[in-house]
Amino acid sequence: MAISAGPSGGDSDTPMSDINTTPLVDVMLVLLIIFLIAVPVVIQTVDLKLPEVRHDPTTTKPENVSLSVKAGPAGECEVYWNLTPVSSQELLDRAVAKLKAEIDKKGGLENFTAEDMPEAHIRGDVNTPYRCIGGTIFTMQMAGFSRVGFISEPPAGSFVAQRL
């Protein structure tokens, strides 16, 4: 590689202002090719169509069931139906009775539609182990509730909290 201090004739005190960009372009093209080959190998995804929902406000209907789940002081799971503590068997019995009462209120299973199905809304404490919340979901599904959702609190300063 040679360095030229200026034009070959005339005034030799003026520096040359031309930069050879060919090596830079060569290096960039090589890096581009490497990244084009490497990126699809590194990124492995499952092809999904995700919902385009910002926040769904909860519409509370009188037939919905409100459950609260938290861990007790000894690590046991505590489940509350509204404000009443219930065991797993009591939760199952109450859920079956609630669903049966809703079906009877509509005049039987033939008049009962998917829109009439009550929902179970679970509020889980942030420090609750997953086995407690998962067990509550499983119990409600065993009782026949097909719609089980989670109630969460948006973080302070979020768009939803500021709008309300």
N, C-alpha and C. Protein backbone atom coordinates (compact mmCIF):
# COMPACT_ATOMS: atom_id res chain seq x y z
N MET A 1 0.84 -1.16 0.00
CA MET A 1 0.00 0.00 0.00
C MET A 1 0.89 1.23 0.00
N ALA A 2 0.56 2.15 -0.82
CA ALA A 2 1.38 3.35 -0.91
C ALA A 2 0.58 4.55 -0.47
N ILE A 3 1.26 5.55 0.08
CA ILE A 3 0.62 6.78 0.49
C ILE A 3 1.09 7.87 -0.44
N SER A 4 0.15 8.61 -0.94
CA SER A 4 0.49 9.70 -1.82
C SER A 4 0.28 11.00 -1.06
N ALA A 5 1.30 11.86 -1.06
CA ALA A 5 1.21 13.12 -0.32
C ALA A 5 0.61 14.23 -1.17
N GLY A 6 0.46 14.03 -2.43
CA GLY A 6 -0.11 15.08 -3.26
C GLY A 6 0.07 14.77 -4.72
N PRO A 7 -0.31 15.67 -5.56
CA PRO A 7 -0.13 15.42 -7.00
C PRO A 7 1.34 15.37 -7.35
N SER A 8 1.65 14.68 -8.44
CA SER A 8 3.05 14.44 -8.80
C SER A 8 3.74 15.68 -9.32
N GLY A 9 3.04 16.59 -9.82
CA GLY A 9 3.70 17.78 -10.35
C GLY A 9 3.17 19.03 -9.67
N GLY A 10 3.93 20.07 -9.74
CA GLY A 10 3.47 21.35 -9.23
C GLY A 10 3.72 21.50 -7.75
N ASP A 11 2.72 22.04 -7.05
CA ASP A 11 2.87 22.35 -5.63
C ASP A 11 2.79 21.06 -4.82
N SER A 12 3.84 20.69 -4.14
CA SER A 12 3.86 19.44 -3.39
C SER A 12 3.45 19.61 -1.94
N ASP A 13 3.06 20.81 -1.52
CA ASP A 13 2.67 21.03 -0.14
C ASP A 13 1.19 20.71 0.13
N THR A 14 0.33 20.55 -0.88
CA THR A 14 -1.09 20.29 -0.67
C THR A 14 -1.32 18.79 -0.51
N PRO A 15 -1.99 18.41 0.57
CA PRO A 15 -2.25 16.97 0.78
C PRO A 15 -3.35 16.47 -0.16
N MET A 16 -3.34 15.15 -0.40
CA MET A 16 -4.34 14.54 -1.26
C MET A 16 -5.59 14.25 -0.42
N SER A 17 -6.76 14.59 -0.91
CA SER A 17 -7.99 14.42 -0.14
C SER A 17 -8.83 13.23 -0.63
N ASP A 18 -8.33 12.36 -1.44
CA ASP A 18 -9.06 11.20 -1.93
C ASP A 18 -8.83 10.02 -0.99
N ILE A 19 -9.91 9.31 -0.67
CA ILE A 19 -9.82 8.12 0.18
C ILE A 19 -10.20 6.91 -0.67
N ASN A 20 -9.43 5.88 -0.55
CA ASN A 20 -9.71 4.64 -1.28
C ASN A 20 -10.77 3.86 -0.50
N THR A 21 -12.00 3.79 -0.99
CA THR A 21 -13.10 3.11 -0.29
C THR A 21 -13.30 1.67 -0.73
N THR A 22 -12.55 1.20 -1.67
CA THR A 22 -12.73 -0.17 -2.16
C THR A 22 -12.52 -1.22 -1.08
N PRO A 23 -11.48 -1.13 -0.24
CA PRO A 23 -11.34 -2.15 0.82
C PRO A 23 -12.49 -2.09 1.83
N LEU A 24 -12.98 -0.90 2.13
CA LEU A 24 -14.11 -0.77 3.05
C LEU A 24 -15.37 -1.42 2.48
N VAL A 25 -15.65 -1.20 1.21
CA VAL A 25 -16.81 -1.80 0.57
C VAL A 25 -16.68 -3.32 0.52
N ASP A 26 -15.49 -3.82 0.26
CA ASP A 26 -15.26 -5.27 0.25
C ASP A 26 -15.54 -5.88 1.61
N VAL A 27 -15.06 -5.27 2.66
CA VAL A 27 -15.28 -5.79 4.01
C VAL A 27 -16.77 -5.75 4.35
N MET A 28 -17.45 -4.67 4.00
CA MET A 28 -18.88 -4.55 4.29
C MET A 28 -19.70 -5.60 3.52
N LEU A 29 -19.35 -5.87 2.29
CA LEU A 29 -20.07 -6.89 1.53
C LEU A 29 -19.87 -8.28 2.12
N VAL A 30 -18.66 -8.57 2.56
CA VAL A 30 -18.39 -9.86 3.20
C VAL A 30 -19.21 -9.99 4.48
N LEU A 31 -19.24 -8.93 5.30
CA LEU A 31 -20.03 -8.96 6.54
C LEU A 31 -21.52 -9.10 6.24
N LEU A 32 -22.01 -8.43 5.20
CA LEU A 32 -23.41 -8.54 4.83
C LEU A 32 -23.76 -9.98 4.46
N ILE A 33 -22.92 -10.61 3.69
CA ILE A 33 -23.17 -12.00 3.28
C ILE A 33 -23.15 -12.92 4.50
N ILE A 34 -22.22 -12.71 5.42
CA ILE A 34 -22.15 -13.54 6.63
C ILE A 34 -23.42 -13.38 7.45
N PHE A 35 -23.89 -12.14 7.63
CA PHE A 35 -25.11 -11.91 8.41
C PHE A 35 -26.34 -12.47 7.71
N LEU A 36 -26.40 -12.38 6.40
CA LEU A 36 -27.55 -12.93 5.67
C LEU A 36 -27.62 -14.45 5.82
N ILE A 37 -26.49 -15.09 5.93
CA ILE A 37 -26.47 -16.53 6.11
C ILE A 37 -26.71 -16.91 7.56
N ALA A 38 -26.16 -16.14 8.50
CA ALA A 38 -26.20 -16.51 9.92
C ALA A 38 -27.53 -16.18 10.59
N VAL A 39 -28.20 -15.12 10.20
CA VAL A 39 -29.42 -14.69 10.91
C VAL A 39 -30.54 -15.72 10.83
N PRO A 40 -30.86 -16.31 9.68
CA PRO A 40 -31.92 -17.31 9.68
C PRO A 40 -31.58 -18.54 10.51
N VAL A 41 -30.33 -18.85 10.69
CA VAL A 41 -29.93 -19.99 11.50
C VAL A 41 -30.14 -19.68 12.98
N VAL A 42 -29.86 -18.45 13.39
CA VAL A 42 -29.96 -18.07 14.79
C VAL A 42 -31.41 -17.88 15.21
N ILE A 43 -32.21 -17.25 14.37
CA ILE A 43 -33.60 -16.97 14.71
C ILE A 43 -34.45 -18.16 14.35
N GLN A 44 -35.03 -18.79 15.39
CA GLN A 44 -35.92 -19.91 15.18
C GLN A 44 -37.25 -19.54 15.83
N THR A 45 -38.29 -19.45 15.05
CA THR A 45 -39.59 -19.07 15.57
C THR A 45 -40.65 -20.03 15.08
N VAL A 46 -41.74 -20.05 15.81
CA VAL A 46 -42.92 -20.78 15.39
C VAL A 46 -43.82 -19.77 14.71
N ASP A 47 -44.31 -20.10 13.55
CA ASP A 47 -45.14 -19.19 12.78
C ASP A 47 -46.50 -19.05 13.47
N LEU A 48 -46.74 -17.87 14.05
CA LEU A 48 -47.98 -17.60 14.77
C LEU A 48 -48.62 -16.32 14.27
N LYS A 49 -49.91 -16.25 14.37
CA LYS A 49 -50.64 -15.02 14.13
C LYS A 49 -51.11 -14.54 15.49
N LEU A 50 -50.46 -13.51 16.02
CA LEU A 50 -50.78 -13.01 17.34
C LEU A 50 -51.94 -12.03 17.27
N PRO A 51 -52.75 -11.99 18.32
CA PRO A 51 -53.86 -11.05 18.32
C PRO A 51 -53.36 -9.61 18.37
N GLU A 52 -54.08 -8.74 17.71
CA GLU A 52 -53.71 -7.33 17.67
C GLU A 52 -54.61 -6.54 18.61
N VAL A 53 -54.56 -6.88 19.88
CA VAL A 53 -55.40 -6.25 20.89
C VAL A 53 -54.50 -5.51 21.86
N ARG A 54 -54.81 -4.26 22.08
CA ARG A 54 -54.03 -3.48 23.05
C ARG A 54 -54.36 -3.94 24.47
N HIS A 55 -55.56 -3.62 24.91
CA HIS A 55 -56.05 -4.05 26.21
C HIS A 55 -57.54 -4.28 26.08
N ASP A 56 -57.97 -5.44 26.51
CA ASP A 56 -59.39 -5.71 26.52
C ASP A 56 -59.93 -5.31 27.88
N PRO A 57 -60.81 -4.33 27.94
CA PRO A 57 -61.41 -4.02 29.23
C PRO A 57 -62.31 -5.17 29.67
N THR A 58 -62.30 -5.45 30.93
CA THR A 58 -63.09 -6.54 31.47
C THR A 58 -64.53 -6.10 31.61
N THR A 59 -65.42 -6.86 31.01
CA THR A 59 -66.84 -6.59 31.18
C THR A 59 -67.35 -7.58 32.22
N THR A 60 -67.72 -7.05 33.35
CA THR A 60 -68.17 -7.90 34.43
C THR A 60 -69.66 -8.12 34.32
N LYS A 61 -70.03 -9.37 34.20
CA LYS A 61 -71.44 -9.75 34.18
C LYS A 61 -71.76 -10.39 35.53
N PRO A 62 -73.01 -10.32 35.95
CA PRO A 62 -73.34 -10.88 37.26
C PRO A 62 -73.09 -12.38 37.37
N GLU A 63 -73.12 -13.09 36.26
CA GLU A 63 -72.93 -14.54 36.33
C GLU A 63 -71.45 -14.95 36.37
N ASN A 64 -70.54 -14.02 36.15
CA ASN A 64 -69.11 -14.34 36.19
C ASN A 64 -68.67 -14.67 37.60
N VAL A 65 -67.65 -15.49 37.68
CA VAL A 65 -67.10 -15.91 38.97
C VAL A 65 -65.78 -15.19 39.19
N SER A 66 -65.64 -14.56 40.33
CA SER A 66 -64.41 -13.86 40.67
C SER A 66 -63.62 -14.69 41.68
N LEU A 67 -62.42 -15.10 41.28
CA LEU A 67 -61.56 -15.91 42.14
C LEU A 67 -60.26 -15.15 42.44
N SER A 68 -59.79 -15.27 43.65
CA SER A 68 -58.50 -14.71 44.04
C SER A 68 -57.64 -15.85 44.54
N VAL A 69 -56.39 -15.87 44.09
CA VAL A 69 -55.47 -16.96 44.45
C VAL A 69 -54.20 -16.35 45.01
N LYS A 70 -53.77 -16.88 46.15
CA LYS A 70 -52.50 -16.44 46.72
C LYS A 70 -51.89 -17.59 47.50
N ALA A 71 -50.62 -17.45 47.81
CA ALA A 71 -49.92 -18.46 48.59
C ALA A 71 -50.05 -18.12 50.06
N GLY A 72 -50.33 -19.15 50.87
CA GLY A 72 -50.45 -18.95 52.30
C GLY A 72 -49.08 -18.86 52.96
N PRO A 73 -49.05 -18.62 54.27
CA PRO A 73 -47.77 -18.46 54.96
C PRO A 73 -46.91 -19.72 54.95
N ALA A 74 -47.53 -20.90 54.91
CA ALA A 74 -46.76 -22.15 54.90
C ALA A 74 -46.56 -22.69 53.49
N GLY A 75 -46.88 -21.90 52.47
CA GLY A 75 -46.69 -22.32 51.08
C GLY A 75 -47.90 -23.00 50.47
N GLU A 76 -48.98 -23.16 51.24
CA GLU A 76 -50.18 -23.78 50.69
C GLU A 76 -50.93 -22.76 49.84
N CYS A 77 -51.79 -23.26 48.97
CA CYS A 77 -52.55 -22.40 48.08
C CYS A 77 -53.84 -21.96 48.76
N GLU A 78 -54.14 -20.68 48.66
CA GLU A 78 -55.39 -20.14 49.20
C GLU A 78 -56.21 -19.60 48.04
N VAL A 79 -57.43 -20.15 47.89
CA VAL A 79 -58.33 -19.72 46.82
C VAL A 79 -59.56 -19.11 47.47
N TYR A 80 -59.98 -17.96 46.94
CA TYR A 80 -61.15 -17.26 47.47
C TYR A 80 -62.19 -17.11 46.37
N TRP A 81 -63.41 -17.56 46.66
CA TRP A 81 -64.56 -17.34 45.77
C TRP A 81 -65.18 -16.04 46.26
N ASN A 82 -65.08 -14.99 45.47
CA ASN A 82 -65.37 -13.62 45.90
C ASN A 82 -64.50 -13.33 47.12
N LEU A 83 -65.05 -13.32 48.32
CA LEU A 83 -64.24 -13.07 49.52
C LEU A 83 -64.21 -14.27 50.46
N THR A 84 -64.81 -15.38 50.04
CA THR A 84 -64.92 -16.57 50.88
C THR A 84 -63.81 -17.57 50.53
N PRO A 85 -62.98 -17.96 51.52
CA PRO A 85 -61.96 -18.98 51.23
C PRO A 85 -62.61 -20.34 50.97
N VAL A 86 -62.10 -21.04 49.94
CA VAL A 86 -62.63 -22.36 49.58
C VAL A 86 -61.48 -23.33 49.37
N SER A 87 -61.76 -24.61 49.61
CA SER A 87 -60.78 -25.66 49.31
C SER A 87 -60.97 -26.07 47.85
N SER A 88 -60.13 -26.98 47.39
CA SER A 88 -60.24 -27.43 45.99
C SER A 88 -61.56 -28.11 45.73
N GLN A 89 -61.99 -28.97 46.66
CA GLN A 89 -63.26 -29.67 46.47
C GLN A 89 -64.44 -28.70 46.55
N GLU A 90 -64.39 -27.76 47.48
CA GLU A 90 -65.45 -26.75 47.56
C GLU A 90 -65.50 -25.90 46.29
N LEU A 91 -64.33 -25.57 45.74
CA LEU A 91 -64.27 -24.80 44.50
C LEU A 91 -64.94 -25.56 43.37
N LEU A 92 -64.63 -26.84 43.26
CA LEU A 92 -65.24 -27.67 42.22
C LEU A 92 -66.75 -27.76 42.41
N ASP A 93 -67.20 -28.00 43.65
CA ASP A 93 -68.63 -28.13 43.92
C ASP A 93 -69.37 -26.82 43.62
N ARG A 94 -68.79 -25.70 44.06
CA ARG A 94 -69.43 -24.40 43.81
C ARG A 94 -69.48 -24.08 42.32
N ALA A 95 -68.40 -24.40 41.60
CA ALA A 95 -68.36 -24.10 40.17
C ALA A 95 -69.38 -24.94 39.41
N VAL A 96 -69.49 -26.22 39.76
CA VAL A 96 -70.49 -27.08 39.10
C VAL A 96 -71.90 -26.57 39.41
N ALA A 97 -72.14 -26.20 40.66
CA ALA A 97 -73.46 -25.69 41.05
C ALA A 97 -73.77 -24.38 40.33
N LYS A 98 -72.79 -23.50 40.21
CA LYS A 98 -72.98 -22.23 39.53
C LYS A 98 -73.33 -22.44 38.06
N LEU A 99 -72.58 -23.32 37.40
CA LEU A 99 -72.83 -23.59 35.98
C LEU A 99 -74.20 -24.24 35.78
N LYS A 100 -74.55 -25.17 36.67
CA LYS A 100 -75.86 -25.82 36.59
C LYS A 100 -76.98 -24.80 36.80
N ALA A 101 -76.80 -23.87 37.74
CA ALA A 101 -77.81 -22.85 37.99
C ALA A 101 -77.98 -21.93 36.78
N GLU A 102 -76.89 -21.60 36.11
CA GLU A 102 -76.97 -20.74 34.91
C GLU A 102 -77.68 -21.46 33.77
N ILE A 103 -77.41 -22.75 33.62
CA ILE A 103 -78.08 -23.53 32.58
C ILE A 103 -79.57 -23.63 32.88
N ASP A 104 -79.92 -23.87 34.15
CA ASP A 104 -81.33 -23.96 34.53
C ASP A 104 -82.03 -22.62 34.36
N LYS A 105 -81.32 -21.51 34.61
CA LYS A 105 -81.92 -20.18 34.48
C LYS A 105 -82.28 -19.89 33.02
N LYS A 106 -81.51 -20.44 32.08
CA LYS A 106 -81.77 -20.23 30.65
C LYS A 106 -82.81 -21.21 30.10
N GLY A 107 -83.28 -22.12 30.93
CA GLY A 107 -84.32 -23.04 30.49
C GLY A 107 -83.78 -24.35 29.95
N GLY A 108 -82.59 -24.73 30.32
CA GLY A 108 -82.04 -26.01 29.89
C GLY A 108 -80.86 -25.84 28.95
N LEU A 109 -80.19 -26.94 28.72
CA LEU A 109 -78.97 -26.95 27.92
C LEU A 109 -79.24 -26.57 26.46
N GLU A 110 -80.45 -26.88 25.96
CA GLU A 110 -80.76 -26.56 24.56
C GLU A 110 -80.89 -25.06 24.33
N ASN A 111 -81.20 -24.30 25.35
CA ASN A 111 -81.31 -22.84 25.23
C ASN A 111 -80.03 -22.11 25.63
N PHE A 112 -79.06 -22.84 26.08
CA PHE A 112 -77.81 -22.26 26.60
C PHE A 112 -76.82 -22.12 25.44
N THR A 113 -76.36 -20.88 25.18
CA THR A 113 -75.42 -20.64 24.09
C THR A 113 -74.04 -20.30 24.65
N ALA A 114 -73.07 -20.16 23.77
CA ALA A 114 -71.70 -19.83 24.20
C ALA A 114 -71.63 -18.44 24.83
N GLU A 115 -72.50 -17.53 24.39
CA GLU A 115 -72.52 -16.19 24.97
C GLU A 115 -73.06 -16.19 26.39
N ASP A 116 -73.89 -17.20 26.72
CA ASP A 116 -74.46 -17.30 28.06
C ASP A 116 -73.48 -17.92 29.07
N MET A 117 -72.40 -18.48 28.56
CA MET A 117 -71.44 -19.18 29.43
C MET A 117 -70.78 -18.18 30.39
N PRO A 118 -70.86 -18.43 31.69
CA PRO A 118 -70.17 -17.53 32.62
C PRO A 118 -68.66 -17.70 32.51
N GLU A 119 -67.95 -16.67 32.90
CA GLU A 119 -66.49 -16.69 32.86
C GLU A 119 -65.94 -16.77 34.27
N ALA A 120 -64.76 -17.34 34.40
CA ALA A 120 -64.04 -17.34 35.67
C ALA A 120 -62.90 -16.35 35.55
N HIS A 121 -62.90 -15.33 36.39
CA HIS A 121 -61.85 -14.32 36.39
C HIS A 121 -60.94 -14.58 37.58
N ILE A 122 -59.68 -14.85 37.29
CA ILE A 122 -58.71 -15.19 38.33
C ILE A 122 -57.78 -14.01 38.56
N ARG A 123 -57.69 -13.60 39.79
CA ARG A 123 -56.73 -12.57 40.21
C ARG A 123 -55.68 -13.30 41.03
N GLY A 124 -54.47 -13.37 40.50
CA GLY A 124 -53.39 -14.07 41.19
C GLY A 124 -52.36 -13.10 41.74
N ASP A 125 -51.97 -13.31 42.98
CA ASP A 125 -50.93 -12.49 43.58
C ASP A 125 -49.62 -12.72 42.83
N VAL A 126 -48.79 -11.69 42.77
CA VAL A 126 -47.55 -11.77 42.00
C VAL A 126 -46.58 -12.81 42.59
N ASN A 127 -46.68 -13.10 43.86
CA ASN A 127 -45.79 -14.06 44.51
C ASN A 127 -46.40 -15.45 44.63
N THR A 128 -47.49 -15.69 43.96
CA THR A 128 -48.15 -16.99 44.01
C THR A 128 -47.45 -17.98 43.09
N PRO A 129 -47.15 -19.19 43.57
CA PRO A 129 -46.55 -20.20 42.68
C PRO A 129 -47.53 -20.61 41.58
N TYR A 130 -46.98 -21.01 40.46
CA TYR A 130 -47.83 -21.36 39.32
C TYR A 130 -48.73 -22.55 39.62
N ARG A 131 -48.28 -23.46 40.48
CA ARG A 131 -49.09 -24.64 40.78
C ARG A 131 -50.43 -24.25 41.40
N CYS A 132 -50.47 -23.15 42.15
CA CYS A 132 -51.73 -22.70 42.75
C CYS A 132 -52.68 -22.17 41.68
N ILE A 133 -52.17 -21.32 40.80
CA ILE A 133 -53.01 -20.75 39.75
C ILE A 133 -53.37 -21.82 38.72
N GLY A 134 -52.41 -22.66 38.37
CA GLY A 134 -52.69 -23.75 37.43
C GLY A 134 -53.72 -24.72 37.98
N GLY A 135 -53.64 -25.02 39.27
CA GLY A 135 -54.63 -25.91 39.89
C GLY A 135 -56.02 -25.30 39.87
N THR A 136 -56.12 -23.99 40.07
CA THR A 136 -57.41 -23.31 40.04
C THR A 136 -57.99 -23.33 38.62
N ILE A 137 -57.14 -23.10 37.63
CA ILE A 137 -57.60 -23.17 36.23
C ILE A 137 -58.10 -24.57 35.91
N PHE A 138 -57.35 -25.58 36.31
CA PHE A 138 -57.72 -26.97 36.05
C PHE A 138 -59.05 -27.32 36.72
N THR A 139 -59.24 -26.88 37.96
CA THR A 139 -60.48 -27.16 38.68
C THR A 139 -61.67 -26.50 37.99
N MET A 140 -61.50 -25.26 37.56
CA MET A 140 -62.61 -24.57 36.88
C MET A 140 -62.93 -25.22 35.53
N GLN A 141 -61.91 -25.70 34.83
CA GLN A 141 -62.16 -26.38 33.57
C GLN A 141 -62.83 -27.74 33.80
N MET A 142 -62.46 -28.42 34.88
CA MET A 142 -63.12 -29.68 35.21
C MET A 142 -64.59 -29.45 35.53
N ALA A 143 -64.91 -28.30 36.11
CA ALA A 143 -66.31 -27.99 36.44
C ALA A 143 -67.12 -27.65 35.19
N GLY A 144 -66.46 -27.32 34.08
CA GLY A 144 -67.18 -27.02 32.85
C GLY A 144 -67.01 -25.59 32.35
N PHE A 145 -66.24 -24.78 33.06
CA PHE A 145 -66.00 -23.41 32.62
C PHE A 145 -64.98 -23.43 31.49
N SER A 146 -65.40 -22.97 30.31
CA SER A 146 -64.48 -22.95 29.17
C SER A 146 -63.77 -21.61 29.05
N ARG A 147 -64.30 -20.59 29.69
CA ARG A 147 -63.69 -19.26 29.64
C ARG A 147 -63.08 -18.94 31.00
N VAL A 148 -61.77 -19.00 31.05
CA VAL A 148 -61.04 -18.66 32.26
C VAL A 148 -60.06 -17.58 31.89
N GLY A 149 -60.13 -16.44 32.57
CA GLY A 149 -59.26 -15.32 32.24
C GLY A 149 -58.55 -14.80 33.47
N PHE A 150 -57.58 -13.94 33.23
CA PHE A 150 -56.80 -13.36 34.30
C PHE A 150 -57.08 -11.87 34.39
N ILE A 151 -57.17 -11.39 35.59
CA ILE A 151 -57.34 -9.97 35.84
C ILE A 151 -55.98 -9.44 36.28
N SER A 152 -55.52 -8.40 35.61
CA SER A 152 -54.21 -7.83 35.94
C SER A 152 -54.36 -6.34 36.14
N GLU A 153 -53.34 -5.77 36.73
CA GLU A 153 -53.32 -4.33 36.94
C GLU A 153 -52.24 -3.76 36.06
N PRO A 154 -52.58 -2.78 35.21
CA PRO A 154 -51.54 -2.20 34.36
C PRO A 154 -50.52 -1.46 35.21
N PRO A 155 -49.27 -1.41 34.76
CA PRO A 155 -48.26 -0.71 35.52
C PRO A 155 -48.56 0.77 35.63
N ALA A 156 -48.10 1.36 36.70
CA ALA A 156 -48.34 2.79 36.92
C ALA A 156 -47.70 3.59 35.80
N GLY A 157 -48.41 4.60 35.35
CA GLY A 157 -47.89 5.45 34.29
C GLY A 157 -48.12 4.92 32.90
N SER A 158 -48.80 3.77 32.76
CA SER A 158 -49.05 3.25 31.43
C SER A 158 -50.17 4.03 30.77
N PHE A 159 -50.36 3.83 29.50
CA PHE A 159 -51.35 4.56 28.72
C PHE A 159 -52.75 4.32 29.25
N VAL A 160 -53.06 3.09 29.64
CA VAL A 160 -54.39 2.75 30.12
C VAL A 160 -54.65 3.46 31.45
N ALA A 161 -53.65 3.46 32.34
CA ALA A 161 -53.83 4.09 33.65
C ALA A 161 -54.00 5.60 33.51
N GLN A 162 -53.31 6.23 32.55
CA GLN A 162 -53.42 7.67 32.37
C GLN A 162 -54.75 8.05 31.74
N ARG A 163 -55.28 7.18 30.91
CA ARG A 163 -56.51 7.48 30.19
C ARG A 163 -57.71 7.44 31.12
N LEU A 164 -57.67 6.62 32.17
CA LEU A 164 -58.83 6.48 33.05
C LEU A 164 -58.95 7.57 34.05
